[in-house]
Amino acid sequence: MPPDLRTRDPLSPGQRSRLMAKVRPRGNKSTEVALTHAFRHAGLTGWRRHMRVKCNALRPGTRATQAVNAKPGYTYPDFVFPRLKIAVYVDGCFWHGCPQHRTTPTHNSGFWRTKLASNRARDSRVTASLRKAGWTVIRIWEHTVKTRPEICVRRVCRAMAASCRGSRSL
């Protein structure tokens, strides 16, 4: 087959765009399930998965608010302890630029550098916005959940204890 036929897309750019827009993210399900098991094993209760939380850092029309079921001005942490106002995010090593495991794809590297930098900037804005609103934000790396889930549980337990101490003094 001639080289130009192997690389030619049978769909027009508009058709390809519509097709790709239908692809939905699957999330970091394996790490979330592992953390769910760790929480249950430790006896932690009161958490919800993917609960909507008001966040002023996300503006309407941004990619972060165009995700499935996303509403402008809201974030969806992986785990939320609503009574204690604790939000837990499990950040994937690739998508959030883990200092130990980050890699930049060699193909289209300029795009990926920009994309991963914007993910980290969005994470910082969301964390700052939630903290300003009185939330405790815990960000956990994917590799930590997979290799040492007990560390993750300890961090959440410390945050829960601090939140309970703070609410008693009011």
C-alpha atoms as a PDB file:
ATOM      1  CA  MET A   1       0.000   0.000   0.000  1.00  0.00           C
ATOM      2  CA  PRO A   2       1.387   3.445  -0.878  1.00  0.00           C
ATOM      3  CA  PRO A   3       2.500   5.530   2.147  1.00  0.00           C
ATOM      4  CA  ASP A   4      -0.016   8.319   1.461  1.00  0.00           C
ATOM      5  CA  LEU A   5      -2.945   5.875   1.750  1.00  0.00           C
ATOM      6  CA  ARG A   6      -1.803   4.528   5.137  1.00  0.00           C
ATOM      7  CA  THR A   7      -1.807   7.975   6.707  1.00  0.00           C
ATOM      8  CA  ARG A   8      -4.934   9.331   5.021  1.00  0.00           C
ATOM      9  CA  ASP A   9      -7.921   9.652   7.358  1.00  0.00           C
ATOM     10  CA  PRO A  10     -11.146   8.409   5.764  1.00  0.00           C
ATOM     11  CA  LEU A  11     -13.121  10.951   7.826  1.00  0.00           C
ATOM     12  CA  SER A  12     -13.209  14.689   7.287  1.00  0.00           C
ATOM     13  CA  PRO A  13     -11.785  16.865  10.090  1.00  0.00           C
ATOM     14  CA  GLY A  14     -15.323  17.735  11.226  1.00  0.00           C
ATOM     15  CA  GLN A  15     -16.391  14.085  11.288  1.00  0.00           C
ATOM     16  CA  ARG A  16     -13.222  13.098  13.177  1.00  0.00           C
ATOM     17  CA  SER A  17     -13.845  15.884  15.702  1.00  0.00           C
ATOM     18  CA  ARG A  18     -17.442  14.753  16.341  1.00  0.00           C
ATOM     19  CA  LEU A  19     -16.316  11.139  16.683  1.00  0.00           C
ATOM     20  CA  MET A  20     -13.538  12.013  19.146  1.00  0.00           C
ATOM     21  CA  ALA A  21     -15.906  14.239  21.158  1.00  0.00           C
ATOM     22  CA  LYS A  22     -17.982  11.126  21.892  1.00  0.00           C
ATOM     23  CA  VAL A  23     -15.029   9.404  23.575  1.00  0.00           C
ATOM     24  CA  ARG A  24     -15.520   9.691  27.322  1.00  0.00           C
ATOM     25  CA  PRO A  25     -12.813   9.373  29.964  1.00  0.00           C
ATOM     26  CA  ARG A  26     -12.764   6.248  32.081  1.00  0.00           C
ATOM     27  CA  GLY A  27     -11.042   7.921  35.011  1.00  0.00           C
ATOM     28  CA  ASN A  28      -8.501   6.360  37.318  1.00  0.00           C
ATOM     29  CA  LYS A  29     -10.839   3.584  38.369  1.00  0.00           C
ATOM     30  CA  SER A  30      -8.226   1.035  39.468  1.00  0.00           C
ATOM     31  CA  THR A  31      -6.575   3.463  41.884  1.00  0.00           C
ATOM     32  CA  GLU A  32      -9.929   4.708  43.181  1.00  0.00           C
ATOM     33  CA  VAL A  33     -11.070   1.139  43.833  1.00  0.00           C
ATOM     34  CA  ALA A  34      -7.798   0.406  45.652  1.00  0.00           C
ATOM     35  CA  LEU A  35      -8.276   3.487  47.840  1.00  0.00           C
ATOM     36  CA  THR A  36     -11.918   2.553  48.453  1.00  0.00           C
ATOM     37  CA  HIS A  37     -10.784  -0.841  49.753  1.00  0.00           C
ATOM     38  CA  ALA A  38      -8.150   0.820  51.943  1.00  0.00           C
ATOM     39  CA  PHE A  39     -10.744   3.209  53.409  1.00  0.00           C
ATOM     40  CA  ARG A  40     -13.141   0.348  54.134  1.00  0.00           C
ATOM     41  CA  HIS A  41     -10.391  -1.798  55.646  1.00  0.00           C
ATOM     42  CA  ALA A  42      -9.436   1.102  57.947  1.00  0.00           C
ATOM     43  CA  GLY A  43     -13.089   1.605  58.914  1.00  0.00           C
ATOM     44  CA  LEU A  44     -13.329   5.127  57.476  1.00  0.00           C
ATOM     45  CA  THR A  45     -16.913   6.227  56.877  1.00  0.00           C
ATOM     46  CA  GLY A  46     -18.721   9.337  55.742  1.00  0.00           C
ATOM     47  CA  TRP A  47     -17.111   9.612  52.317  1.00  0.00           C
ATOM     48  CA  ARG A  48     -18.709   9.888  48.904  1.00  0.00           C
ATOM     49  CA  ARG A  49     -17.151   9.403  45.487  1.00  0.00           C
ATOM     50  CA  HIS A  50     -17.247  12.123  42.832  1.00  0.00           C
ATOM     51  CA  MET A  51     -19.526  14.435  44.781  1.00  0.00           C
ATOM     52  CA  ARG A  52     -19.974  17.871  43.263  1.00  0.00           C
ATOM     53  CA  VAL A  53     -18.214  20.653  45.205  1.00  0.00           C
ATOM     54  CA  LYS A  54     -18.501  24.380  44.451  1.00  0.00           C
ATOM     55  CA  CYS A  55     -15.210  25.744  43.150  1.00  0.00           C
ATOM     56  CA  ASN A  56     -14.687  29.301  41.946  1.00  0.00           C
ATOM     57  CA  ALA A  57     -11.448  28.381  40.144  1.00  0.00           C
ATOM     58  CA  LEU A  58     -13.301  26.673  37.288  1.00  0.00           C
ATOM     59  CA  ARG A  59     -14.939  29.021  34.851  1.00  0.00           C
ATOM     60  CA  PRO A  60     -17.719  28.191  32.389  1.00  0.00           C
ATOM     61  CA  GLY A  61     -16.496  27.174  28.962  1.00  0.00           C
ATOM     62  CA  THR A  62     -13.169  25.695  30.073  1.00  0.00           C
ATOM     63  CA  ARG A  63     -12.221  22.128  29.221  1.00  0.00           C
ATOM     64  CA  ALA A  64     -12.381  21.152  32.888  1.00  0.00           C
ATOM     65  CA  THR A  65     -16.055  22.082  32.986  1.00  0.00           C
ATOM     66  CA  GLN A  66     -16.847  20.269  29.743  1.00  0.00           C
ATOM     67  CA  ALA A  67     -16.282  16.797  31.227  1.00  0.00           C
ATOM     68  CA  VAL A  68     -19.139  14.335  31.516  1.00  0.00           C
ATOM     69  CA  ASN A  69     -21.891  15.745  33.775  1.00  0.00           C
ATOM     70  CA  ALA A  70     -19.638  18.634  34.839  1.00  0.00           C
ATOM     71  CA  LYS A  71     -21.254  21.937  35.699  1.00  0.00           C
ATOM     72  CA  PRO A  72     -19.416  25.262  35.482  1.00  0.00           C
ATOM     73  CA  GLY A  73     -17.969  26.380  38.795  1.00  0.00           C
ATOM     74  CA  TYR A  74     -17.864  22.893  40.319  1.00  0.00           C
ATOM     75  CA  THR A  75     -15.169  20.289  40.857  1.00  0.00           C
ATOM     76  CA  TYR A  76     -15.592  16.578  41.416  1.00  0.00           C
ATOM     77  CA  PRO A  77     -12.967  15.227  43.841  1.00  0.00           C
ATOM     78  CA  ASP A  78     -12.398  11.472  43.779  1.00  0.00           C
ATOM     79  CA  PHE A  79     -13.480  11.238  47.427  1.00  0.00           C
ATOM     80  CA  VAL A  80     -15.336  13.779  49.545  1.00  0.00           C
ATOM     81  CA  PHE A  81     -15.973  13.763  53.280  1.00  0.00           C
ATOM     82  CA  PRO A  82     -18.786  16.355  53.160  1.00  0.00           C
ATOM     83  CA  ARG A  83     -19.356  16.776  56.914  1.00  0.00           C
ATOM     84  CA  LEU A  84     -15.672  17.425  57.530  1.00  0.00           C
ATOM     85  CA  LYS A  85     -15.129  19.373  54.296  1.00  0.00           C
ATOM     86  CA  ILE A  86     -12.281  17.154  53.134  1.00  0.00           C
ATOM     87  CA  ALA A  87     -11.672  16.623  49.405  1.00  0.00           C
ATOM     88  CA  VAL A  88      -9.326  13.843  48.275  1.00  0.00           C
ATOM     89  CA  TYR A  89      -7.929  13.764  44.740  1.00  0.00           C
ATOM     90  CA  VAL A  90      -6.034  10.770  43.343  1.00  0.00           C
ATOM     91  CA  ASP A  91      -3.724  12.297  40.734  1.00  0.00           C
ATOM     92  CA  GLY A  92      -2.469  10.093  37.920  1.00  0.00           C
ATOM     93  CA  CYS A  93       1.296  10.158  37.513  1.00  0.00           C
ATOM     94  CA  PHE A  94       1.139  10.939  33.789  1.00  0.00           C
ATOM     95  CA  TRP A  95      -1.748  13.425  33.674  1.00  0.00           C
ATOM     96  CA  HIS A  96      -0.677  15.468  36.689  1.00  0.00           C
ATOM     97  CA  GLY A  97       3.112  15.384  36.224  1.00  0.00           C
ATOM     98  CA  CYS A  98       4.382  13.239  39.086  1.00  0.00           C
ATOM     99  CA  PRO A  99       7.962  14.303  39.858  1.00  0.00           C
ATOM    100  CA  GLN A 100       9.056  10.635  40.118  1.00  0.00           C
ATOM    101  CA  HIS A 101       7.239   9.137  37.132  1.00  0.00           C
ATOM    102  CA  ARG A 102       6.431  11.960  34.728  1.00  0.00           C
ATOM    103  CA  THR A 103       7.229  11.423  31.090  1.00  0.00           C
ATOM    104  CA  THR A 104       6.561  13.645  28.107  1.00  0.00           C
ATOM    105  CA  PRO A 105       5.597  11.838  24.918  1.00  0.00           C
ATOM    106  CA  THR A 106       8.070  12.426  22.119  1.00  0.00           C
ATOM    107  CA  HIS A 107       5.368  12.688  19.468  1.00  0.00           C
ATOM    108  CA  ASN A 108       3.788  16.158  19.511  1.00  0.00           C
ATOM    109  CA  SER A 109       5.838  17.032  22.603  1.00  0.00           C
ATOM    110  CA  GLY A 110       4.994  20.746  22.496  1.00  0.00           C
ATOM    111  CA  PHE A 111       1.288  19.994  22.828  1.00  0.00           C
ATOM    112  CA  TRP A 112       1.873  17.564  25.688  1.00  0.00           C
ATOM    113  CA  ARG A 113       4.155  19.919  27.623  1.00  0.00           C
ATOM    114  CA  THR A 114       1.465  22.625  27.399  1.00  0.00           C
ATOM    115  CA  LYS A 115      -1.340  20.201  28.256  1.00  0.00           C
ATOM    116  CA  LEU A 116       0.383  18.743  31.327  1.00  0.00           C
ATOM    117  CA  ALA A 117       1.451  22.201  32.536  1.00  0.00           C
ATOM    118  CA  SER A 118      -2.152  23.420  32.238  1.00  0.00           C
ATOM    119  CA  ASN A 119      -3.343  20.370  34.220  1.00  0.00           C
ATOM    120  CA  ARG A 120      -0.923  21.221  37.036  1.00  0.00           C
ATOM    121  CA  ALA A 121      -1.967  24.893  36.952  1.00  0.00           C
ATOM    122  CA  ARG A 122      -5.653  23.911  37.125  1.00  0.00           C
ATOM    123  CA  ASP A 123      -4.913  21.587  40.062  1.00  0.00           C
ATOM    124  CA  SER A 124      -3.244  24.483  41.901  1.00  0.00           C
ATOM    125  CA  ARG A 125      -6.175  26.835  41.218  1.00  0.00           C
ATOM    126  CA  VAL A 126      -8.738  24.275  42.362  1.00  0.00           C
ATOM    127  CA  THR A 127      -6.770  23.450  45.523  1.00  0.00           C
ATOM    128  CA  ALA A 128      -6.361  27.143  46.404  1.00  0.00           C
ATOM    129  CA  SER A 129     -10.042  27.868  45.737  1.00  0.00           C
ATOM    130  CA  LEU A 130     -11.254  24.982  47.899  1.00  0.00           C
ATOM    131  CA  ARG A 131      -8.874  25.880  50.731  1.00  0.00           C
ATOM    132  CA  LYS A 132     -10.083  29.468  50.591  1.00  0.00           C
ATOM    133  CA  ALA A 133     -13.651  28.127  50.957  1.00  0.00           C
ATOM    134  CA  GLY A 134     -12.644  26.223  54.103  1.00  0.00           C
ATOM    135  CA  TRP A 135     -11.970  22.786  52.638  1.00  0.00           C
ATOM    136  CA  THR A 136      -9.042  20.527  53.442  1.00  0.00           C
ATOM    137  CA  VAL A 137      -7.604  19.260  50.159  1.00  0.00           C
ATOM    138  CA  ILE A 138      -5.527  16.086  49.999  1.00  0.00           C
ATOM    139  CA  ARG A 139      -3.773  15.172  46.765  1.00  0.00           C
ATOM    140  CA  ILE A 140      -2.451  11.633  46.516  1.00  0.00           C
ATOM    141  CA  TRP A 141      -0.259  10.280  43.734  1.00  0.00           C
ATOM    142  CA  GLU A 142      -1.448   7.218  41.847  1.00  0.00           C
ATOM    143  CA  HIS A 143       1.777   5.319  42.622  1.00  0.00           C
ATOM    144  CA  THR A 144       1.303   5.860  46.361  1.00  0.00           C
ATOM    145  CA  VAL A 145      -2.173   4.337  46.259  1.00  0.00           C
ATOM    146  CA  LYS A 146      -0.850   1.338  44.359  1.00  0.00           C
ATOM    147  CA  THR A 147       2.251   0.721  46.465  1.00  0.00           C
ATOM    148  CA  ARG A 148       1.503   2.111  49.959  1.00  0.00           C
ATOM    149  CA  PRO A 149      -2.252   2.638  50.492  1.00  0.00           C
ATOM    150  CA  GLU A 150      -1.719   2.772  54.275  1.00  0.00           C
ATOM    151  CA  ILE A 151       0.105   6.107  53.833  1.00  0.00           C
ATOM    152  CA  CYS A 152      -2.938   7.490  52.040  1.00  0.00           C
ATOM    153  CA  VAL A 153      -5.268   6.318  54.816  1.00  0.00           C
ATOM    154  CA  ARG A 154      -2.994   7.876  57.459  1.00  0.00           C
ATOM    155  CA  ARG A 155      -3.050  11.246  55.673  1.00  0.00           C
ATOM    156  CA  VAL A 156      -6.843  11.190  55.510  1.00  0.00           C
ATOM    157  CA  CYS A 157      -7.116  10.116  59.175  1.00  0.00           C
ATOM    158  CA  ARG A 158      -4.847  12.991  60.242  1.00  0.00           C
ATOM    159  CA  ALA A 159      -6.990  15.445  58.270  1.00  0.00           C
ATOM    160  CA  MET A 160     -10.162  14.001  59.803  1.00  0.00           C
ATOM    161  CA  ALA A 161      -8.724  14.291  63.320  1.00  0.00           C
ATOM    162  CA  ALA A 162      -7.636  17.880  62.695  1.00  0.00           C
ATOM    163  CA  SER A 163     -11.064  18.737  61.297  1.00  0.00           C
ATOM    164  CA  CYS A 164     -12.822  17.222  64.308  1.00  0.00           C
ATOM    165  CA  ARG A 165     -10.530  19.113  66.736  1.00  0.00           C
ATOM    166  CA  GLY A 166     -11.200  22.350  64.871  1.00  0.00           C
ATOM    167  CA  SER A 167     -14.979  21.909  64.935  1.00  0.00           C
ATOM    168  CA  ARG A 168     -15.006  21.244  68.693  1.00  0.00           C
ATOM    169  CA  SER A 169     -13.338  24.553  69.435  1.00  0.00           C
ATOM    170  CA  LEU A 170     -16.074  26.533  67.666  1.00  0.00           C
END
